[in-house]
Every structure is written in C-alpha cells, then in structure tokens.
Amino acid sequence: MILADIKEYLSNHGMASLADLSVHFGVEPDAMRGMLDRWIRKGKLSRLPQAATCSKCCVACNSDHVEIYEWLG
C-alpha cells in the first residue's frame, strides 16, 4: 500500500527530498530508498544528481535533504 501512497504523493508534488518523504511516511531513509528504487526500476521515478554542497552557504547539507527524487510517470 505504501508504494501507491508514494506514487500519489510524488505525482501531486512532482519532486521531493528523501528527508521529506521519510518524515511524511514515517519511514527510515534507508527503507524509503528501497521503496523508491522500485519506482526507479519501473521508469516512473528519477533520482536527481546530488551536489556536494548547496551554493547558498558554506555548510555541507545532510545528504537526506539534498537527495531529490522526481516523478516521471
């Protein structure tokens, strides 16, 4: 059931960070990655390239916050 919920959430929002998805669904980031990988393998989801740091500050962001997924389907 959660895979369908992820599909609905991402199709409504277009894209979201791993951190946002984990908080929204109450799932640990590693478990969320496993579910997102299923949609990636089906060609419905893409993980966007990740920058080492954002350009707005000198602090490295938590990787869960800059790991962005985009709904393609």
PDB file of N, CA and C in Angstrom:
ATOM      1  N   MET A   1       0.810  -1.191   0.000  1.00  0.00           N
ATOM      2  CA  MET A   1       0.000   0.000   0.000  1.00  0.00           C
ATOM      3  C   MET A   1       0.858   1.261   0.000  1.00  0.00           C
ATOM      4  N   ILE A   2       1.992   1.255   0.674  1.00  0.00           N
ATOM      5  CA  ILE A   2       2.800   2.471   0.745  1.00  0.00           C
ATOM      6  C   ILE A   2       3.367   2.851  -0.627  1.00  0.00           C
ATOM      7  N   LEU A   3       3.638   1.887  -1.506  1.00  0.00           N
ATOM      8  CA  LEU A   3       4.129   2.225  -2.845  1.00  0.00           C
ATOM      9  C   LEU A   3       3.105   3.069  -3.595  1.00  0.00           C
ATOM     10  N   ALA A   4       1.838   2.737  -3.471  1.00  0.00           N
ATOM     11  CA  ALA A   4       0.784   3.532  -4.106  1.00  0.00           C
ATOM     12  C   ALA A   4       0.704   4.912  -3.464  1.00  0.00           C
ATOM     13  N   ASP A   5       0.917   4.981  -2.163  1.00  0.00           N
ATOM     14  CA  ASP A   5       0.904   6.270  -1.469  1.00  0.00           C
ATOM     15  C   ASP A   5       2.075   7.147  -1.925  1.00  0.00           C
ATOM     16  N   ILE A   6       3.238   6.537  -2.099  1.00  0.00           N
ATOM     17  CA  ILE A   6       4.407   7.269  -2.595  1.00  0.00           C
ATOM     18  C   ILE A   6       4.120   7.789  -3.999  1.00  0.00           C
ATOM     19  N   LYS A   7       3.533   6.964  -4.841  1.00  0.00           N
ATOM     20  CA  LYS A   7       3.186   7.373  -6.205  1.00  0.00           C
ATOM     21  C   LYS A   7       2.250   8.577  -6.172  1.00  0.00           C
ATOM     22  N   GLU A   8       1.239   8.514  -5.360  1.00  0.00           N
ATOM     23  CA  GLU A   8       0.272   9.615  -5.276  1.00  0.00           C
ATOM     24  C   GLU A   8       0.945  10.898  -4.777  1.00  0.00           C
ATOM     25  N   TYR A   9       1.754  10.763  -3.726  1.00  0.00           N
ATOM     26  CA  TYR A   9       2.432  11.929  -3.161  1.00  0.00           C
ATOM     27  C   TYR A   9       3.331  12.591  -4.196  1.00  0.00           C
ATOM     28  N   LEU A  10       4.170  11.780  -4.861  1.00  0.00           N
ATOM     29  CA  LEU A  10       5.110  12.345  -5.823  1.00  0.00           C
ATOM     30  C   LEU A  10       4.420  12.833  -7.097  1.00  0.00           C
ATOM     31  N   SER A  11       3.365  12.173  -7.521  1.00  0.00           N
ATOM     32  CA  SER A  11       2.664  12.661  -8.715  1.00  0.00           C
ATOM     33  C   SER A  11       1.979  13.992  -8.423  1.00  0.00           C
ATOM     34  N   ASN A  12       1.575  14.224  -7.185  1.00  0.00           N
ATOM     35  CA  ASN A  12       0.968  15.503  -6.800  1.00  0.00           C
ATOM     36  C   ASN A  12       2.008  16.604  -6.592  1.00  0.00           C
ATOM     37  N   HIS A  13       3.177  16.247  -6.064  1.00  0.00           N
ATOM     38  CA  HIS A  13       4.202  17.239  -5.737  1.00  0.00           C
ATOM     39  C   HIS A  13       5.267  17.380  -6.817  1.00  0.00           C
ATOM     40  N   GLY A  14       5.411  16.397  -7.686  1.00  0.00           N
ATOM     41  CA  GLY A  14       6.422  16.464  -8.741  1.00  0.00           C
ATOM     42  C   GLY A  14       7.783  15.980  -8.299  1.00  0.00           C
ATOM     43  N   MET A  15       8.265  16.500  -7.187  1.00  0.00           N
ATOM     44  CA  MET A  15       9.551  16.058  -6.645  1.00  0.00           C
ATOM     45  C   MET A  15       9.577  16.287  -5.146  1.00  0.00           C
ATOM     46  N   ALA A  16      10.471  15.548  -4.478  1.00  0.00           N
ATOM     47  CA  ALA A  16      10.602  15.669  -3.023  1.00  0.00           C
ATOM     48  C   ALA A  16      11.957  15.118  -2.603  1.00  0.00           C
ATOM     49  N   SER A  17      12.431  15.587  -1.463  1.00  0.00           N
ATOM     50  CA  SER A  17      13.694  15.073  -0.931  1.00  0.00           C
ATOM     51  C   SER A  17      13.437  13.779  -0.170  1.00  0.00           C
ATOM     52  N   LEU A  18      14.488  13.019   0.001  1.00  0.00           N
ATOM     53  CA  LEU A  18      14.397  11.793   0.781  1.00  0.00           C
ATOM     54  C   LEU A  18      13.948  12.116   2.202  1.00  0.00           C
ATOM     55  N   ALA A  19      14.467  13.188   2.768  1.00  0.00           N
ATOM     56  CA  ALA A  19      14.088  13.578   4.133  1.00  0.00           C
ATOM     57  C   ALA A  19      12.601  13.882   4.222  1.00  0.00           C
ATOM     58  N   ASP A  20      12.070  14.633   3.258  1.00  0.00           N
ATOM     59  CA  ASP A  20      10.639  14.957   3.262  1.00  0.00           C
ATOM     60  C   ASP A  20       9.784  13.700   3.183  1.00  0.00           C
ATOM     61  N   LEU A  21      10.161  12.792   2.290  1.00  0.00           N
ATOM     62  CA  LEU A  21       9.399  11.549   2.129  1.00  0.00           C
ATOM     63  C   LEU A  21       9.455  10.700   3.396  1.00  0.00           C
ATOM     64  N   SER A  22      10.633  10.609   4.000  1.00  0.00           N
ATOM     65  CA  SER A  22      10.791   9.814   5.217  1.00  0.00           C
ATOM     66  C   SER A  22       9.924  10.346   6.349  1.00  0.00           C
ATOM     67  N   VAL A  23       9.913  11.662   6.503  1.00  0.00           N
ATOM     68  CA  VAL A  23       9.097  12.278   7.555  1.00  0.00           C
ATOM     69  C   VAL A  23       7.614  12.098   7.253  1.00  0.00           C
ATOM     70  N   HIS A  24       7.231  12.368   6.018  1.00  0.00           N
ATOM     71  CA  HIS A  24       5.815  12.289   5.641  1.00  0.00           C
ATOM     72  C   HIS A  24       5.244  10.890   5.878  1.00  0.00           C
ATOM     73  N   PHE A  25       6.003   9.861   5.500  1.00  0.00           N
ATOM     74  CA  PHE A  25       5.507   8.492   5.616  1.00  0.00           C
ATOM     75  C   PHE A  25       5.949   7.788   6.895  1.00  0.00           C
ATOM     76  N   GLY A  26       6.766   8.447   7.718  1.00  0.00           N
ATOM     77  CA  GLY A  26       7.209   7.848   8.975  1.00  0.00           C
ATOM     78  C   GLY A  26       8.065   6.616   8.774  1.00  0.00           C
ATOM     79  N   VAL A  27       8.966   6.688   7.787  1.00  0.00           N
ATOM     80  CA  VAL A  27       9.815   5.549   7.418  1.00  0.00           C
ATOM     81  C   VAL A  27      11.276   6.007   7.447  1.00  0.00           C
ATOM     82  N   GLU A  28      12.166   5.157   7.920  1.00  0.00           N
ATOM     83  CA  GLU A  28      13.597   5.464   7.927  1.00  0.00           C
ATOM     84  C   GLU A  28      14.091   5.689   6.496  1.00  0.00           C
ATOM     85  N   PRO A  29      15.069   6.595   6.313  1.00  0.00           N
ATOM     86  CA  PRO A  29      15.565   6.894   4.969  1.00  0.00           C
ATOM     87  C   PRO A  29      16.025   5.667   4.173  1.00  0.00           C
ATOM     88  N   ASP A  30      16.723   4.726   4.809  1.00  0.00           N
ATOM     89  CA  ASP A  30      17.182   3.539   4.078  1.00  0.00           C
ATOM     90  C   ASP A  30      16.014   2.687   3.585  1.00  0.00           C
ATOM     91  N   ALA A  31      14.976   2.560   4.388  1.00  0.00           N
ATOM     92  CA  ALA A  31      13.789   1.812   3.969  1.00  0.00           C
ATOM     93  C   ALA A  31      13.070   2.551   2.847  1.00  0.00           C
ATOM     94  N   MET A  32      13.014   3.877   2.934  1.00  0.00           N
ATOM     95  CA  MET A  32      12.372   4.679   1.894  1.00  0.00           C
ATOM     96  C   MET A  32      13.118   4.534   0.572  1.00  0.00           C
ATOM     97  N   ARG A  33      14.460   4.527   0.624  1.00  0.00           N
ATOM     98  CA  ARG A  33      15.248   4.332  -0.606  1.00  0.00           C
ATOM     99  C   ARG A  33      14.878   3.024  -1.298  1.00  0.00           C
ATOM    100  N   GLY A  34      14.686   1.978  -0.518  1.00  0.00           N
ATOM    101  CA  GLY A  34      14.307   0.687  -1.098  1.00  0.00           C
ATOM    102  C   GLY A  34      12.985   0.773  -1.835  1.00  0.00           C
ATOM    103  N   MET A  35      12.023   1.484  -1.275  1.00  0.00           N
ATOM    104  CA  MET A  35      10.723   1.638  -1.930  1.00  0.00           C
ATOM    105  C   MET A  35      10.834   2.531  -3.162  1.00  0.00           C
ATOM    106  N   LEU A  36      11.640   3.581  -3.062  1.00  0.00           N
ATOM    107  CA  LEU A  36      11.835   4.478  -4.203  1.00  0.00           C
ATOM    108  C   LEU A  36      12.551   3.762  -5.351  1.00  0.00           C
ATOM    109  N   ASP A  37      13.460   2.859  -5.004  1.00  0.00           N
ATOM    110  CA  ASP A  37      14.173   2.087  -6.026  1.00  0.00           C
ATOM    111  C   ASP A  37      13.221   1.260  -6.891  1.00  0.00           C
ATOM    112  N   ARG A  38      12.135   0.791  -6.300  1.00  0.00           N
ATOM    113  CA  ARG A  38      11.153   0.027  -7.093  1.00  0.00           C
ATOM    114  C   ARG A  38      10.542   0.894  -8.177  1.00  0.00           C
ATOM    115  N   TRP A  39      10.220   2.161  -7.845  1.00  0.00           N
ATOM    116  CA  TRP A  39       9.655   3.076  -8.847  1.00  0.00           C
ATOM    117  C   TRP A  39      10.717   3.480  -9.867  1.00  0.00           C
ATOM    118  N   ILE A  40      11.971   3.582  -9.438  1.00  0.00           N
ATOM    119  CA  ILE A  40      13.058   3.902 -10.377  1.00  0.00           C
ATOM    120  C   ILE A  40      13.203   2.773 -11.392  1.00  0.00           C
ATOM    121  N   ARG A  41      13.208   1.517 -10.925  1.00  0.00           N
ATOM    122  CA  ARG A  41      13.337   0.363 -11.829  1.00  0.00           C
ATOM    123  C   ARG A  41      12.183   0.291 -12.828  1.00  0.00           C
ATOM    124  N   LYS A  42      11.014   0.768 -12.439  1.00  0.00           N
ATOM    125  CA  LYS A  42       9.845   0.771 -13.330  1.00  0.00           C
ATOM    126  C   LYS A  42       9.865   1.961 -14.291  1.00  0.00           C
ATOM    127  N   GLY A  43      10.848   2.854 -14.137  1.00  0.00           N
ATOM    128  CA  GLY A  43      10.967   4.009 -15.020  1.00  0.00           C
ATOM    129  C   GLY A  43      10.011   5.147 -14.693  1.00  0.00           C
ATOM    130  N   LYS A  44       9.433   5.140 -13.507  1.00  0.00           N
ATOM    131  CA  LYS A  44       8.463   6.162 -13.115  1.00  0.00           C
ATOM    132  C   LYS A  44       9.074   7.266 -12.253  1.00  0.00           C
ATOM    133  N   LEU A  45      10.281   7.039 -11.748  1.00  0.00           N
ATOM    134  CA  LEU A  45      10.911   7.950 -10.806  1.00  0.00           C
ATOM    135  C   LEU A  45      12.379   8.095 -11.159  1.00  0.00           C
ATOM    136  N   SER A  46      12.910   9.284 -10.938  1.00  0.00           N
ATOM    137  CA  SER A  46      14.325   9.543 -11.193  1.00  0.00           C
ATOM    138  C   SER A  46      14.943  10.195  -9.961  1.00  0.00           C
ATOM    139  N   ARG A  47      16.149   9.766  -9.631  1.00  0.00           N
ATOM    140  CA  ARG A  47      16.908  10.418  -8.561  1.00  0.00           C
ATOM    141  C   ARG A  47      17.778  11.469  -9.226  1.00  0.00           C
ATOM    142  N   LEU A  48      17.627  12.716  -8.817  1.00  0.00           N
ATOM    143  CA  LEU A  48      18.371  13.808  -9.425  1.00  0.00           C
ATOM    144  C   LEU A  48      19.810  13.801  -8.949  1.00  0.00           C
ATOM    145  N   PRO A  49      20.730  14.270  -9.797  1.00  0.00           N
ATOM    146  CA  PRO A  49      22.134  14.354  -9.382  1.00  0.00           C
ATOM    147  C   PRO A  49      22.268  15.215  -8.135  1.00  0.00           C
ATOM    148  N   GLN A  50      23.186  14.822  -7.276  1.00  0.00           N
ATOM    149  CA  GLN A  50      23.333  15.450  -5.969  1.00  0.00           C
ATOM    150  C   GLN A  50      24.599  16.299  -5.928  1.00  0.00           C
ATOM    151  N   ALA A  51      24.475  17.551  -5.535  1.00  0.00           N
ATOM    152  CA  ALA A  51      25.631  18.419  -5.353  1.00  0.00           C
ATOM    153  C   ALA A  51      26.251  18.148  -3.982  1.00  0.00           C
ATOM    154  N   ALA A  52      27.549  18.322  -3.880  1.00  0.00           N
ATOM    155  CA  ALA A  52      28.235  18.088  -2.604  1.00  0.00           C
ATOM    156  C   ALA A  52      27.785  19.095  -1.549  1.00  0.00           C
ATOM    157  N   THR A  53      27.614  20.343  -1.938  1.00  0.00           N
ATOM    158  CA  THR A  53      27.099  21.376  -1.041  1.00  0.00           C
ATOM    159  C   THR A  53      26.191  22.284  -1.848  1.00  0.00           C
ATOM    160  N   CYS A  54      25.308  22.959  -1.162  1.00  0.00           N
ATOM    161  CA  CYS A  54      24.477  23.936  -1.866  1.00  0.00           C
ATOM    162  C   CYS A  54      25.303  25.190  -2.105  1.00  0.00           C
ATOM    163  N   SER A  55      24.859  26.051  -2.969  1.00  0.00           N
ATOM    164  CA  SER A  55      25.634  27.244  -3.295  1.00  0.00           C
ATOM    165  C   SER A  55      25.328  28.422  -2.372  1.00  0.00           C
ATOM    166  N   LYS A  56      24.402  28.248  -1.442  1.00  0.00           N
ATOM    167  CA  LYS A  56      23.965  29.369  -0.607  1.00  0.00           C
ATOM    168  C   LYS A  56      24.697  29.478   0.720  1.00  0.00           C
ATOM    169  N   CYS A  57      25.460  28.470   1.094  1.00  0.00           N
ATOM    170  CA  CYS A  57      26.141  28.539   2.387  1.00  0.00           C
ATOM    171  C   CYS A  57      27.439  27.729   2.337  1.00  0.00           C
ATOM    172  N   CYS A  58      28.161  27.774   3.415  1.00  0.00           N
ATOM    173  CA  CYS A  58      29.440  27.054   3.457  1.00  0.00           C
ATOM    174  C   CYS A  58      29.348  25.776   4.287  1.00  0.00           C
ATOM    175  N   VAL A  59      28.146  25.380   4.660  1.00  0.00           N
ATOM    176  CA  VAL A  59      27.943  24.178   5.464  1.00  0.00           C
ATOM    177  C   VAL A  59      27.444  23.056   4.564  1.00  0.00           C
ATOM    178  N   ALA A  60      28.022  21.879   4.682  1.00  0.00           N
ATOM    179  CA  ALA A  60      27.558  20.732   3.893  1.00  0.00           C
ATOM    180  C   ALA A  60      26.196  20.294   4.407  1.00  0.00           C
ATOM    181  N   CYS A  61      25.249  20.157   3.510  1.00  0.00           N
ATOM    182  CA  CYS A  61      23.887  19.760   3.885  1.00  0.00           C
ATOM    183  C   CYS A  61      23.829  18.272   4.194  1.00  0.00           C
ATOM    184  N   ASN A  62      22.878  17.889   5.017  1.00  0.00           N
ATOM    185  CA  ASN A  62      22.613  16.484   5.278  1.00  0.00           C
ATOM    186  C   ASN A  62      22.219  15.839   3.954  1.00  0.00           C
ATOM    187  N   SER A  63      22.821  14.722   3.623  1.00  0.00           N
ATOM    188  CA  SER A  63      22.568  14.094   2.321  1.00  0.00           C
ATOM    189  C   SER A  63      21.103  13.735   2.111  1.00  0.00           C
ATOM    190  N   ASP A  64      20.347  13.466   3.184  1.00  0.00           N
ATOM    191  CA  ASP A  64      18.930  13.155   3.046  1.00  0.00           C
ATOM    192  C   ASP A  64      18.130  14.358   2.553  1.00  0.00           C
ATOM    193  N   HIS A  65      18.640  15.557   2.810  1.00  0.00           N
ATOM    194  CA  HIS A  65      17.940  16.773   2.406  1.00  0.00           C
ATOM    195  C   HIS A  65      18.239  17.163   0.965  1.00  0.00           C
ATOM    196  N   VAL A  66      19.370  16.732   0.439  1.00  0.00           N
ATOM    197  CA  VAL A  66      19.719  17.080  -0.942  1.00  0.00           C
ATOM    198  C   VAL A  66      19.548  15.897  -1.890  1.00  0.00           C
ATOM    199  N   GLU A  67      19.091  14.778  -1.388  1.00  0.00           N
ATOM    200  CA  GLU A  67      18.785  13.617  -2.224  1.00  0.00           C
ATOM    201  C   GLU A  67      17.347  13.800  -2.711  1.00  0.00           C
ATOM    202  N   ILE A  68      17.207  14.236  -3.966  1.00  0.00           N
ATOM    203  CA  ILE A  68      15.908  14.636  -4.514  1.00  0.00           C
ATOM    204  C   ILE A  68      15.436  13.610  -5.540  1.00  0.00           C
ATOM    205  N   TYR A  69      14.157  13.315  -5.468  1.00  0.00           N
ATOM    206  CA  TYR A  69      13.515  12.382  -6.400  1.00  0.00           C
ATOM    207  C   TYR A  69      12.439  13.112  -7.184  1.00  0.00           C
ATOM    208  N   GLU A  70      12.370  12.831  -8.493  1.00  0.00           N
ATOM    209  CA  GLU A  70      11.399  13.468  -9.378  1.00  0.00           C
ATOM    210  C   GLU A  70      10.503  12.410 -10.020  1.00  0.00           C
ATOM    211  N   TRP A  71       9.202  12.647  -9.949  1.00  0.00           N
ATOM    212  CA  TRP A  71       8.230  11.725 -10.548  1.00  0.00           C
ATOM    213  C   TRP A  71       8.187  11.954 -12.049  1.00  0.00           C
ATOM    214  N   LEU A  72       8.317  10.884 -12.832  1.00  0.00           N
ATOM    215  CA  LEU A  72       8.334  10.962 -14.289  1.00  0.00           C
ATOM    216  C   LEU A  72       7.032  10.479 -14.926  1.00  0.00           C
ATOM    217  N   GLY A  73       6.326   9.624 -14.202  1.00  0.00           N
ATOM    218  CA  GLY A  73       5.215   8.898 -14.782  1.00  0.00           C
ATOM    219  C   GLY A  73       3.937   9.639 -14.850  1.00  0.00           C
TER     220      GLY A  73
END
